[in-house]
């Protein structure tokens, strides 16, 4: 499956949606997309080790079944060959690593990355603590909306569930740009009901999608 991409028109549509949504609220909306939240290098080592042990065990069992004595050196060579082959495969095709990553670990890494992006882009520094991050990580099939303290105090996380579900479904259908626009519109409506725009309504963060 090819990596998800965004055209210039996609970026323009998302930026426009953010601008329109923020016009009715003092909240700030920021969008981030990443192809992966972690390199999962440990996966390659763990999978290679596991396969090498399995290869050695399989060789020993087969040899025993045929009454063949396999020297220890032969088993070691089988282990090294299996580990080398899998390690090379995972190095050449990093996306294959996700096959070996437990769902809980993937979700945890993606969530941690989202929180890091929230801080890195200064969403926690808005005047009224009303920053919202709309985040998607492709490799982990993970989407979430992170709201700052000022919003979280009034809007429960459950309020974002529909928007998050829509993002994930849009990614599956390779129309993530539309998913972002819908999520931004939904987020803007929620923010406007709790944090309506005022005379100042300063735009504290750039209206754009960051792709990493």
C-alpha atoms as a PDB file:
ATOM      1  CA  UNK A   1       0.000   0.000   0.000  1.00  0.00           C
ATOM      2  CA  UNK A   2       1.403   3.400  -1.018  1.00  0.00           C
ATOM      3  CA  UNK A   3       1.984   6.084   1.548  1.00  0.00           C
ATOM      4  CA  UNK A   4      -0.745   8.645   1.950  1.00  0.00           C
ATOM      5  CA  UNK A   5       0.053  11.942   0.252  1.00  0.00           C
ATOM      6  CA  UNK A   6      -1.401  15.443   0.144  1.00  0.00           C
ATOM      7  CA  UNK A   7      -1.537  17.697  -2.893  1.00  0.00           C
ATOM      8  CA  UNK A   8      -1.175  21.469  -2.820  1.00  0.00           C
ATOM      9  CA  UNK A   9      -4.943  21.650  -3.278  1.00  0.00           C
ATOM     10  CA  UNK A  10      -5.399  19.387  -0.241  1.00  0.00           C
ATOM     11  CA  UNK A  11      -3.228  21.672   1.876  1.00  0.00           C
ATOM     12  CA  UNK A  12      -5.144  24.708   0.659  1.00  0.00           C
ATOM     13  CA  UNK A  13      -8.525  23.125   1.466  1.00  0.00           C
ATOM     14  CA  UNK A  14      -7.429  22.130   4.976  1.00  0.00           C
ATOM     15  CA  UNK A  15      -5.927  25.556   5.676  1.00  0.00           C
ATOM     16  CA  UNK A  16      -9.119  27.218   4.439  1.00  0.00           C
ATOM     17  CA  UNK A  17     -11.261  24.956   6.630  1.00  0.00           C
ATOM     18  CA  UNK A  18      -9.152  25.846   9.660  1.00  0.00           C
ATOM     19  CA  UNK A  19      -9.485  29.545   8.936  1.00  0.00           C
ATOM     20  CA  UNK A  20     -13.264  29.310   8.589  1.00  0.00           C
ATOM     21  CA  UNK A  21     -13.620  27.217  11.735  1.00  0.00           C
ATOM     22  CA  UNK A  22     -11.495  29.586  13.803  1.00  0.00           C
ATOM     23  CA  UNK A  23     -13.453  32.621  12.636  1.00  0.00           C
ATOM     24  CA  UNK A  24     -16.294  31.630  14.970  1.00  0.00           C
ATOM     25  CA  UNK A  25     -14.197  30.751  18.034  1.00  0.00           C
ATOM     26  CA  UNK A  26     -11.306  31.909  20.166  1.00  0.00           C
ATOM     27  CA  UNK A  27      -9.945  28.368  19.966  1.00  0.00           C
ATOM     28  CA  UNK A  28      -6.930  27.485  17.837  1.00  0.00           C
ATOM     29  CA  UNK A  29      -6.901  24.421  15.576  1.00  0.00           C
ATOM     30  CA  UNK A  30      -3.715  22.782  14.316  1.00  0.00           C
ATOM     31  CA  UNK A  31      -3.392  19.710  12.103  1.00  0.00           C
ATOM     32  CA  UNK A  32      -0.479  17.262  11.989  1.00  0.00           C
ATOM     33  CA  UNK A  33       0.018  14.126   9.906  1.00  0.00           C
ATOM     34  CA  UNK A  34       2.933  11.716  10.223  1.00  0.00           C
ATOM     35  CA  UNK A  35       3.717   8.563   8.279  1.00  0.00           C
ATOM     36  CA  UNK A  36       4.907   6.869  11.476  1.00  0.00           C
ATOM     37  CA  UNK A  37       5.214   7.873  15.125  1.00  0.00           C
ATOM     38  CA  UNK A  38       8.262   5.692  15.752  1.00  0.00           C
ATOM     39  CA  UNK A  39      10.906   3.772  13.828  1.00  0.00           C
ATOM     40  CA  UNK A  40      10.270   0.631  15.913  1.00  0.00           C
ATOM     41  CA  UNK A  41      13.886  -0.427  15.576  1.00  0.00           C
ATOM     42  CA  UNK A  42      13.473  -2.815  18.502  1.00  0.00           C
ATOM     43  CA  UNK A  43      11.003  -4.783  16.391  1.00  0.00           C
ATOM     44  CA  UNK A  44      13.627  -5.741  13.834  1.00  0.00           C
ATOM     45  CA  UNK A  45      15.980  -7.046  16.507  1.00  0.00           C
ATOM     46  CA  UNK A  46      13.272  -8.906  18.421  1.00  0.00           C
ATOM     47  CA  UNK A  47      11.716 -10.454  15.318  1.00  0.00           C
ATOM     48  CA  UNK A  48      15.110 -11.463  13.941  1.00  0.00           C
ATOM     49  CA  UNK A  49      16.042 -13.108  17.224  1.00  0.00           C
ATOM     50  CA  UNK A  50      12.728 -14.942  17.425  1.00  0.00           C
ATOM     51  CA  UNK A  51      12.978 -16.207  13.853  1.00  0.00           C
ATOM     52  CA  UNK A  52      16.549 -17.346  14.332  1.00  0.00           C
ATOM     53  CA  UNK A  53      15.564 -19.388  17.372  1.00  0.00           C
ATOM     54  CA  UNK A  54      12.591 -20.843  15.491  1.00  0.00           C
ATOM     55  CA  UNK A  55      14.790 -21.730  12.524  1.00  0.00           C
ATOM     56  CA  UNK A  56      17.268 -23.524  14.766  1.00  0.00           C
ATOM     57  CA  UNK A  57      14.501 -25.399  16.587  1.00  0.00           C
ATOM     58  CA  UNK A  58      12.824 -26.417  13.322  1.00  0.00           C
ATOM     59  CA  UNK A  59      16.127 -27.624  11.894  1.00  0.00           C
ATOM     60  CA  UNK A  60      16.827 -29.672  15.000  1.00  0.00           C
ATOM     61  CA  UNK A  61      13.353 -31.271  15.012  1.00  0.00           C
ATOM     62  CA  UNK A  62      13.467 -32.145  11.306  1.00  0.00           C
ATOM     63  CA  UNK A  63      16.954 -33.557  11.628  1.00  0.00           C
ATOM     64  CA  UNK A  64      15.924 -35.610  14.637  1.00  0.00           C
ATOM     65  CA  UNK A  65      12.937 -36.972  12.733  1.00  0.00           C
ATOM     66  CA  UNK A  66      15.205 -38.238   9.969  1.00  0.00           C
ATOM     67  CA  UNK A  67      17.801 -39.478  12.383  1.00  0.00           C
ATOM     68  CA  UNK A  68      20.356 -36.936  11.248  1.00  0.00           C
ATOM     69  CA  UNK A  69      22.845 -35.496  13.671  1.00  0.00           C
ATOM     70  CA  UNK A  70      23.134 -31.750  13.179  1.00  0.00           C
ATOM     71  CA  UNK A  71      26.285 -30.181  14.601  1.00  0.00           C
ATOM     72  CA  UNK A  72      25.938 -27.191  16.882  1.00  0.00           C
ATOM     73  CA  UNK A  73      27.742 -25.082  14.302  1.00  0.00           C
ATOM     74  CA  UNK A  74      25.031 -25.916  11.775  1.00  0.00           C
ATOM     75  CA  UNK A  75      22.307 -24.732  14.141  1.00  0.00           C
ATOM     76  CA  UNK A  76      24.198 -21.531  14.831  1.00  0.00           C
ATOM     77  CA  UNK A  77      24.586 -20.891  11.101  1.00  0.00           C
ATOM     78  CA  UNK A  78      20.838 -21.433  10.629  1.00  0.00           C
ATOM     79  CA  UNK A  79      20.155 -18.914  13.361  1.00  0.00           C
ATOM     80  CA  UNK A  80      22.496 -16.330  11.875  1.00  0.00           C
ATOM     81  CA  UNK A  81      21.107 -16.797   8.369  1.00  0.00           C
ATOM     82  CA  UNK A  82      17.487 -16.464   9.510  1.00  0.00           C
ATOM     83  CA  UNK A  83      18.282 -13.423  11.642  1.00  0.00           C
ATOM     84  CA  UNK A  84      20.223 -11.781   8.826  1.00  0.00           C
ATOM     85  CA  UNK A  85      17.523 -12.361   6.237  1.00  0.00           C
ATOM     86  CA  UNK A  86      14.713 -11.008   8.405  1.00  0.00           C
ATOM     87  CA  UNK A  87      16.812  -8.086   9.606  1.00  0.00           C
ATOM     88  CA  UNK A  88      17.613  -7.121   6.008  1.00  0.00           C
ATOM     89  CA  UNK A  89      13.966  -7.461   4.988  1.00  0.00           C
ATOM     90  CA  UNK A  90      12.744  -5.223   7.794  1.00  0.00           C
ATOM     91  CA  UNK A  91      15.502  -2.712   7.070  1.00  0.00           C
ATOM     92  CA  UNK A  92      14.548  -2.525   3.388  1.00  0.00           C
ATOM     93  CA  UNK A  93      10.810  -2.372   4.069  1.00  0.00           C
ATOM     94  CA  UNK A  94      10.286  -0.522   7.386  1.00  0.00           C
ATOM     95  CA  UNK A  95       6.495  -0.667   7.071  1.00  0.00           C
ATOM     96  CA  UNK A  96       6.669  -4.453   7.494  1.00  0.00           C
ATOM     97  CA  UNK A  97       7.801  -3.860  11.063  1.00  0.00           C
ATOM     98  CA  UNK A  98       4.251  -2.950  12.034  1.00  0.00           C
ATOM     99  CA  UNK A  99       3.277  -6.607  11.546  1.00  0.00           C
ATOM    100  CA  UNK A 100       5.281  -7.416  14.659  1.00  0.00           C
ATOM    101  CA  UNK A 101       4.250  -4.395  16.766  1.00  0.00           C
ATOM    102  CA  UNK A 102       1.532  -5.106  19.370  1.00  0.00           C
ATOM    103  CA  UNK A 103      -1.447  -2.801  19.010  1.00  0.00           C
ATOM    104  CA  UNK A 104      -1.051  -1.440  22.537  1.00  0.00           C
ATOM    105  CA  UNK A 105       2.552  -0.432  21.885  1.00  0.00           C
ATOM    106  CA  UNK A 106       1.673   1.199  18.558  1.00  0.00           C
ATOM    107  CA  UNK A 107      -1.159   3.190  20.152  1.00  0.00           C
ATOM    108  CA  UNK A 108       1.065   4.234  23.045  1.00  0.00           C
ATOM    109  CA  UNK A 109       3.862   5.443  20.755  1.00  0.00           C
ATOM    110  CA  UNK A 110       1.421   7.333  18.528  1.00  0.00           C
ATOM    111  CA  UNK A 111      -0.228   9.011  21.522  1.00  0.00           C
ATOM    112  CA  UNK A 112       3.152  10.023  22.927  1.00  0.00           C
ATOM    113  CA  UNK A 113       4.124  11.449  19.540  1.00  0.00           C
ATOM    114  CA  UNK A 114       0.870  13.409  19.367  1.00  0.00           C
ATOM    115  CA  UNK A 115       1.510  14.939  22.781  1.00  0.00           C
ATOM    116  CA  UNK A 116       5.022  15.816  21.674  1.00  0.00           C
ATOM    117  CA  UNK A 117       3.671  17.585  18.592  1.00  0.00           C
ATOM    118  CA  UNK A 118       1.146  19.443  20.722  1.00  0.00           C
ATOM    119  CA  UNK A 119       3.990  20.903  22.745  1.00  0.00           C
ATOM    120  CA  UNK A 120       6.408  21.339  19.830  1.00  0.00           C
ATOM    121  CA  UNK A 121       3.981  23.557  17.917  1.00  0.00           C
ATOM    122  CA  UNK A 122       3.098  25.644  20.970  1.00  0.00           C
ATOM    123  CA  UNK A 123      -0.546  24.684  21.265  1.00  0.00           C
ATOM    124  CA  UNK A 124      -0.168  24.872  25.034  1.00  0.00           C
ATOM    125  CA  UNK A 125       0.901  28.517  24.792  1.00  0.00           C
ATOM    126  CA  UNK A 126      -2.326  30.083  23.505  1.00  0.00           C
ATOM    127  CA  UNK A 127      -3.690  32.902  25.634  1.00  0.00           C
ATOM    128  CA  UNK A 128      -6.735  31.029  26.931  1.00  0.00           C
ATOM    129  CA  UNK A 129      -5.294  27.507  26.697  1.00  0.00           C
ATOM    130  CA  UNK A 130      -7.701  26.718  23.861  1.00  0.00           C
ATOM    131  CA  UNK A 131      -5.413  24.926  21.408  1.00  0.00           C
ATOM    132  CA  UNK A 132      -6.612  21.754  19.673  1.00  0.00           C
ATOM    133  CA  UNK A 133      -4.434  19.307  17.756  1.00  0.00           C
ATOM    134  CA  UNK A 134      -5.968  17.075  15.069  1.00  0.00           C
ATOM    135  CA  UNK A 135      -3.456  14.270  14.660  1.00  0.00           C
ATOM    136  CA  UNK A 136      -3.128  11.223  12.399  1.00  0.00           C
ATOM    137  CA  UNK A 137      -0.312   8.664  12.307  1.00  0.00           C
ATOM    138  CA  UNK A 138      -0.511   6.446   9.234  1.00  0.00           C
ATOM    139  CA  UNK A 139       1.589   3.412  10.207  1.00  0.00           C
ATOM    140  CA  UNK A 140      -0.268   2.902  13.479  1.00  0.00           C
ATOM    141  CA  UNK A 141      -3.718   3.622  11.951  1.00  0.00           C
ATOM    142  CA  UNK A 142      -4.051   6.078  14.805  1.00  0.00           C
ATOM    143  CA  UNK A 143      -5.987   9.329  14.994  1.00  0.00           C
ATOM    144  CA  UNK A 144      -6.761  11.543  17.953  1.00  0.00           C
ATOM    145  CA  UNK A 145      -7.734  15.044  18.930  1.00  0.00           C
ATOM    146  CA  UNK A 146      -5.723  16.567  21.756  1.00  0.00           C
ATOM    147  CA  UNK A 147      -7.309  19.540  23.519  1.00  0.00           C
ATOM    148  CA  UNK A 148      -5.558  21.914  25.901  1.00  0.00           C
ATOM    149  CA  UNK A 149      -6.586  22.387  29.526  1.00  0.00           C
ATOM    150  CA  UNK A 150      -8.971  25.268  28.857  1.00  0.00           C
ATOM    151  CA  UNK A 151     -11.002  23.112  26.472  1.00  0.00           C
ATOM    152  CA  UNK A 152     -10.695  19.810  28.313  1.00  0.00           C
ATOM    153  CA  UNK A 153     -12.301  21.440  31.348  1.00  0.00           C
ATOM    154  CA  UNK A 154     -15.500  22.050  29.360  1.00  0.00           C
ATOM    155  CA  UNK A 155     -15.485  19.479  26.559  1.00  0.00           C
ATOM    156  CA  UNK A 156     -15.155  15.760  27.403  1.00  0.00           C
ATOM    157  CA  UNK A 157     -12.926  13.601  25.230  1.00  0.00           C
ATOM    158  CA  UNK A 158     -15.999  11.678  24.071  1.00  0.00           C
ATOM    159  CA  UNK A 159     -17.107  14.763  22.156  1.00  0.00           C
ATOM    160  CA  UNK A 160     -14.221  14.207  19.729  1.00  0.00           C
ATOM    161  CA  UNK A 161     -14.920  10.506  19.110  1.00  0.00           C
ATOM    162  CA  UNK A 162     -16.977  10.980  15.937  1.00  0.00           C
ATOM    163  CA  UNK A 163     -14.354  13.226  14.380  1.00  0.00           C
ATOM    164  CA  UNK A 164     -11.602  10.742  15.243  1.00  0.00           C
ATOM    165  CA  UNK A 165     -13.566   7.827  13.789  1.00  0.00           C
ATOM    166  CA  UNK A 166     -14.144   9.836  10.637  1.00  0.00           C
ATOM    167  CA  UNK A 167     -10.421  10.521  10.263  1.00  0.00           C
ATOM    168  CA  UNK A 168      -9.554   6.839  10.542  1.00  0.00           C
ATOM    169  CA  UNK A 169     -12.201   5.843   8.009  1.00  0.00           C
ATOM    170  CA  UNK A 170     -11.100   8.583   5.602  1.00  0.00           C
ATOM    171  CA  UNK A 171      -7.505   7.356   5.839  1.00  0.00           C
ATOM    172  CA  UNK A 172      -8.630   3.814   4.996  1.00  0.00           C
ATOM    173  CA  UNK A 173     -10.387   5.160   1.893  1.00  0.00           C
ATOM    174  CA  UNK A 174      -7.369   7.272   0.888  1.00  0.00           C
ATOM    175  CA  UNK A 175      -9.315  10.522   1.215  1.00  0.00           C
ATOM    176  CA  UNK A 176      -7.664  11.809   4.339  1.00  0.00           C
ATOM    177  CA  UNK A 177      -7.688  15.422   3.162  1.00  0.00           C
ATOM    178  CA  UNK A 178     -11.490  15.310   3.168  1.00  0.00           C
ATOM    179  CA  UNK A 179     -11.334  13.642   6.577  1.00  0.00           C
ATOM    180  CA  UNK A 180      -9.245  16.507   7.940  1.00  0.00           C
ATOM    181  CA  UNK A 181     -11.647  19.093   6.536  1.00  0.00           C
ATOM    182  CA  UNK A 182     -14.607  17.340   8.158  1.00  0.00           C
ATOM    183  CA  UNK A 183     -12.761  16.957  11.463  1.00  0.00           C
ATOM    184  CA  UNK A 184     -11.760  20.624  11.418  1.00  0.00           C
ATOM    185  CA  UNK A 185     -15.355  21.682  10.747  1.00  0.00           C
ATOM    186  CA  UNK A 186     -16.639  19.467  13.570  1.00  0.00           C
ATOM    187  CA  UNK A 187     -13.960  20.740  15.925  1.00  0.00           C
ATOM    188  CA  UNK A 188     -14.751  24.328  15.029  1.00  0.00           C
ATOM    189  CA  UNK A 189     -18.442  23.830  15.788  1.00  0.00           C
ATOM    190  CA  UNK A 190     -17.656  22.303  19.187  1.00  0.00           C
ATOM    191  CA  UNK A 191     -15.258  25.117  20.035  1.00  0.00           C
ATOM    192  CA  UNK A 192     -17.674  27.818  18.883  1.00  0.00           C
ATOM    193  CA  UNK A 193     -20.359  26.519  21.245  1.00  0.00           C
ATOM    194  CA  UNK A 194     -18.040  26.762  24.246  1.00  0.00           C
ATOM    195  CA  UNK A 195     -15.550  29.433  23.168  1.00  0.00           C
ATOM    196  CA  UNK A 196     -17.319  31.801  20.744  1.00  0.00           C
ATOM    197  CA  UNK A 197     -15.262  34.352  18.854  1.00  0.00           C
ATOM    198  CA  UNK A 198     -14.841  37.852  20.207  1.00  0.00           C
ATOM    199  CA  UNK A 199     -13.839  41.248  18.853  1.00  0.00           C
ATOM    200  CA  UNK A 200     -10.138  40.418  19.018  1.00  0.00           C
ATOM    201  CA  UNK A 201     -10.186  36.780  17.939  1.00  0.00           C
ATOM    202  CA  UNK A 202      -6.455  36.816  17.242  1.00  0.00           C
ATOM    203  CA  UNK A 203      -5.045  34.040  15.070  1.00  0.00           C
ATOM    204  CA  UNK A 204      -2.261  32.762  17.320  1.00  0.00           C
ATOM    205  CA  UNK A 205      -1.163  29.780  15.215  1.00  0.00           C
ATOM    206  CA  UNK A 206      -0.757  29.332  11.452  1.00  0.00           C
ATOM    207  CA  UNK A 207      -3.673  27.682   9.645  1.00  0.00           C
ATOM    208  CA  UNK A 208      -2.077  24.665   8.012  1.00  0.00           C
ATOM    209  CA  UNK A 209      -1.462  20.945   7.925  1.00  0.00           C
ATOM    210  CA  UNK A 210       2.019  19.808   8.940  1.00  0.00           C
ATOM    211  CA  UNK A 211       3.158  16.612   7.200  1.00  0.00           C
ATOM    212  CA  UNK A 212       6.056  14.699   8.718  1.00  0.00           C
END
